[in-house]
Amino acid sequence: MSHDLSQATLAATLGYSNYYLGKIERGHANITCDVMSAISSYFQMSIGQFWTFAEALPRKSPSGR
């Protein structure tokens, strides 16, 4: 799924900081139900669909490589 959307644009649209969304993306912060709901709604999917999509993404190794 490609939406050509920057993290900063998504953060501003949803009312969250780019810093916070970046921490979630890097695995340095846990996503809350509110954020998960906001992101899934933005992409017009249920939280279940969002979760299924996220689970299918390639995993990074613990060292970040």
Protein backbone atom coordinates (compact mmCIF):
# COMPACT_ATOMS: atom_id res chain seq x y z
CA MET A 1 0.00 0.00 0.00
CA SER A 2 1.61 3.20 -1.12
CA HIS A 3 0.00 6.55 -0.44
CA ASP A 4 3.02 8.82 -1.04
CA LEU A 5 2.35 10.30 2.37
CA SER A 6 5.10 11.61 4.61
CA GLN A 7 5.19 10.77 8.28
CA ALA A 8 5.14 14.49 9.07
CA THR A 9 2.00 15.03 6.99
CA LEU A 10 0.24 12.07 8.61
CA ALA A 11 1.25 13.25 12.08
CA ALA A 12 -0.02 16.78 11.42
CA THR A 13 -3.27 15.51 9.90
CA LEU A 14 -3.96 13.24 12.87
CA GLY A 15 -2.84 15.75 15.50
CA TYR A 16 0.16 13.78 16.77
CA SER A 17 3.78 14.85 16.74
CA ASN A 18 6.12 13.62 14.06
CA TYR A 19 8.54 12.75 16.87
CA TYR A 20 5.96 10.45 18.53
CA LEU A 21 5.00 8.67 15.29
CA GLY A 22 8.70 8.23 14.51
CA LYS A 23 9.27 6.61 17.89
CA ILE A 24 6.41 4.20 17.20
CA GLU A 25 7.78 3.41 13.74
CA ARG A 26 11.26 2.71 15.14
CA GLY A 27 9.86 0.52 17.92
CA HIS A 28 10.87 2.95 20.68
CA ALA A 29 7.28 3.63 21.77
CA ASN A 30 4.18 1.47 21.87
CA ILE A 31 1.21 2.47 19.78
CA THR A 32 -1.93 3.29 21.77
CA CYS A 33 -5.43 2.24 20.78
CA ASP A 34 -6.25 5.90 20.05
CA VAL A 35 -3.36 6.25 17.61
CA MET A 36 -4.09 2.88 16.01
CA SER A 37 -7.72 3.91 15.56
CA ALA A 38 -6.77 7.29 14.08
CA ILE A 39 -4.32 5.77 11.60
CA SER A 40 -6.64 2.97 10.54
CA SER A 41 -9.51 5.43 10.10
CA TYR A 42 -7.28 7.70 8.01
CA PHE A 43 -6.60 4.80 5.65
CA GLN A 44 -10.28 3.75 5.75
CA MET A 45 -9.68 0.36 7.32
CA SER A 46 -10.68 -1.34 10.53
CA ILE A 47 -8.18 -1.76 13.33
CA GLY A 48 -8.21 -5.49 12.49
CA GLN A 49 -7.27 -4.75 8.87
CA PHE A 50 -4.60 -2.31 10.06
CA TRP A 51 -3.16 -4.94 12.40
CA THR A 52 -3.19 -7.63 9.67
CA PHE A 53 -1.42 -5.23 7.29
CA ALA A 54 1.17 -4.32 9.93
CA GLU A 55 1.83 -7.97 10.80
CA ALA A 56 2.62 -8.71 7.14
CA LEU A 57 5.32 -6.02 6.93
CA PRO A 58 8.95 -7.20 6.87
CA ARG A 59 10.55 -7.25 10.30
CA LYS A 60 13.80 -5.50 11.12
CA SER A 61 16.40 -7.35 13.11
CA PRO A 62 16.86 -6.26 16.75
CA SER A 63 20.07 -4.50 15.75
CA GLY A 64 18.06 -2.32 13.34
CA ARG A 65 19.55 -3.80 10.17
